[in-house]
Amino acid sequence: AYEISLGLVGSEMCIRDKLQGSERLLADVDIVICEISVEVLYEQQASFHDIYTWLTDRGFHYRGDFDRLMSPVDGRVLQVDAIFDRRTMADT
């Protein structure tokens, strides 16, 4: 089993390009940690929902985040390091 950590802020939708051709590799991955923008920061940026859907369609489950980048202006969440894994609730 493997873990993949992706720093994709500003190029989130490249996850499709980066991993689409690696479906066999992704089949061996149990955990994906992905840096995702929650607020729109870049043109043509993927939404959290886009990344969530792409990974859940491949059998991953969103488990939360472990790090957040907060706006220094108003304290809102700008980016998260989201955790996705393949475990089901029965496996925990």
Protein backbone atom coordinates (compact mmCIF):
# COMPACT_ATOMS: atom_id res chain seq x y z
CA ALA A 1 0.00 0.00 0.00
CA TYR A 2 1.19 3.49 -0.83
CA GLU A 3 0.47 7.08 0.09
CA ILE A 4 0.51 9.95 -2.39
CA SER A 5 0.87 13.56 -1.30
CA LEU A 6 -0.10 16.17 -3.89
CA GLY A 7 0.64 19.89 -3.67
CA LEU A 8 -1.69 21.07 -6.38
CA VAL A 9 -2.80 24.54 -5.37
CA GLY A 10 -3.22 26.56 -8.54
CA SER A 11 -3.20 23.44 -10.68
CA GLU A 12 -5.73 21.21 -8.94
CA MET A 13 -7.29 19.97 -12.12
CA CYS A 14 -3.88 18.76 -13.23
CA ILE A 15 -4.65 15.89 -10.86
CA ARG A 16 -6.62 14.46 -13.76
CA ASP A 17 -3.65 14.80 -16.08
CA LYS A 18 -1.13 13.69 -13.45
CA LEU A 19 -3.07 10.67 -12.26
CA GLN A 20 -5.37 9.83 -15.16
CA GLY A 21 -2.52 8.02 -16.88
CA SER A 22 -1.59 6.38 -13.60
CA GLU A 23 -4.81 4.55 -12.82
CA ARG A 24 -2.84 1.34 -12.16
CA LEU A 25 -0.61 3.18 -9.67
CA LEU A 26 -3.65 4.74 -8.02
CA ALA A 27 -5.11 1.26 -7.59
CA ASP A 28 -2.23 0.52 -5.18
CA VAL A 29 -2.64 3.75 -3.23
CA ASP A 30 -4.50 3.70 0.08
CA ILE A 31 -4.08 7.34 1.16
CA VAL A 32 -4.05 10.58 -0.82
CA ILE A 33 -3.12 13.85 0.88
CA CYS A 34 -4.00 16.71 -1.41
CA GLU A 35 -3.44 20.45 -0.97
CA ILE A 36 -6.69 22.00 -2.23
CA SER A 37 -7.88 25.59 -2.48
CA VAL A 38 -11.23 26.13 -0.80
CA GLU A 39 -11.60 29.72 -1.99
CA VAL A 40 -11.11 30.76 -5.61
CA LEU A 41 -7.53 31.99 -5.81
CA TYR A 42 -6.66 31.26 -9.45
CA GLU A 43 -8.34 31.33 -12.85
CA GLN A 44 -9.75 27.96 -13.98
CA GLN A 45 -9.09 26.51 -10.56
CA ALA A 46 -10.81 23.28 -9.62
CA SER A 47 -13.19 23.45 -6.73
CA PHE A 48 -12.91 21.29 -3.64
CA HIS A 49 -15.97 19.50 -4.98
CA ASP A 50 -14.20 18.71 -8.28
CA ILE A 51 -11.28 17.07 -6.48
CA TYR A 52 -13.57 15.35 -3.98
CA THR A 53 -15.68 13.89 -6.80
CA TRP A 54 -12.65 12.78 -8.81
CA LEU A 55 -11.18 10.90 -5.86
CA THR A 56 -14.44 9.47 -4.49
CA ASP A 57 -15.28 8.18 -7.97
CA ARG A 58 -12.10 6.12 -7.62
CA GLY A 59 -13.04 4.62 -4.27
CA PHE A 60 -11.51 7.13 -1.86
CA HIS A 61 -13.30 8.60 1.15
CA TYR A 62 -12.74 12.10 2.49
CA ARG A 63 -11.51 11.93 6.09
CA GLY A 64 -10.92 15.59 6.86
CA ASP A 65 -7.93 17.86 6.76
CA PHE A 66 -4.85 18.27 8.93
CA ASP A 67 -3.58 21.68 7.93
CA ARG A 68 -5.26 24.88 6.82
CA LEU A 69 -4.10 28.15 5.35
CA MET A 70 -6.17 30.96 6.80
CA SER A 71 -6.67 34.42 5.31
CA PRO A 72 -4.73 37.03 7.28
CA VAL A 73 -7.45 39.53 6.35
CA ASP A 74 -10.59 37.85 7.66
CA GLY A 75 -9.58 34.42 8.98
CA ARG A 76 -11.48 32.37 6.41
CA VAL A 77 -10.02 29.07 5.21
CA LEU A 78 -8.20 29.46 1.88
CA GLN A 79 -6.53 26.06 1.46
CA VAL A 80 -6.56 22.69 3.17
CA ASP A 81 -4.43 19.58 3.14
CA ALA A 82 -7.26 17.12 2.61
CA ILE A 83 -6.97 13.45 3.52
CA PHE A 84 -8.63 10.76 1.42
CA ASP A 85 -8.31 7.02 2.00
CA ARG A 86 -9.84 3.77 0.83
CA ARG A 87 -10.87 2.42 4.24
CA THR A 88 -14.53 1.95 4.87
CA MET A 89 -16.06 2.73 8.23
CA ALA A 90 -16.15 -1.03 8.91
CA ASP A 91 -12.34 -1.12 8.52
CA THR A 92 -11.76 1.51 11.23
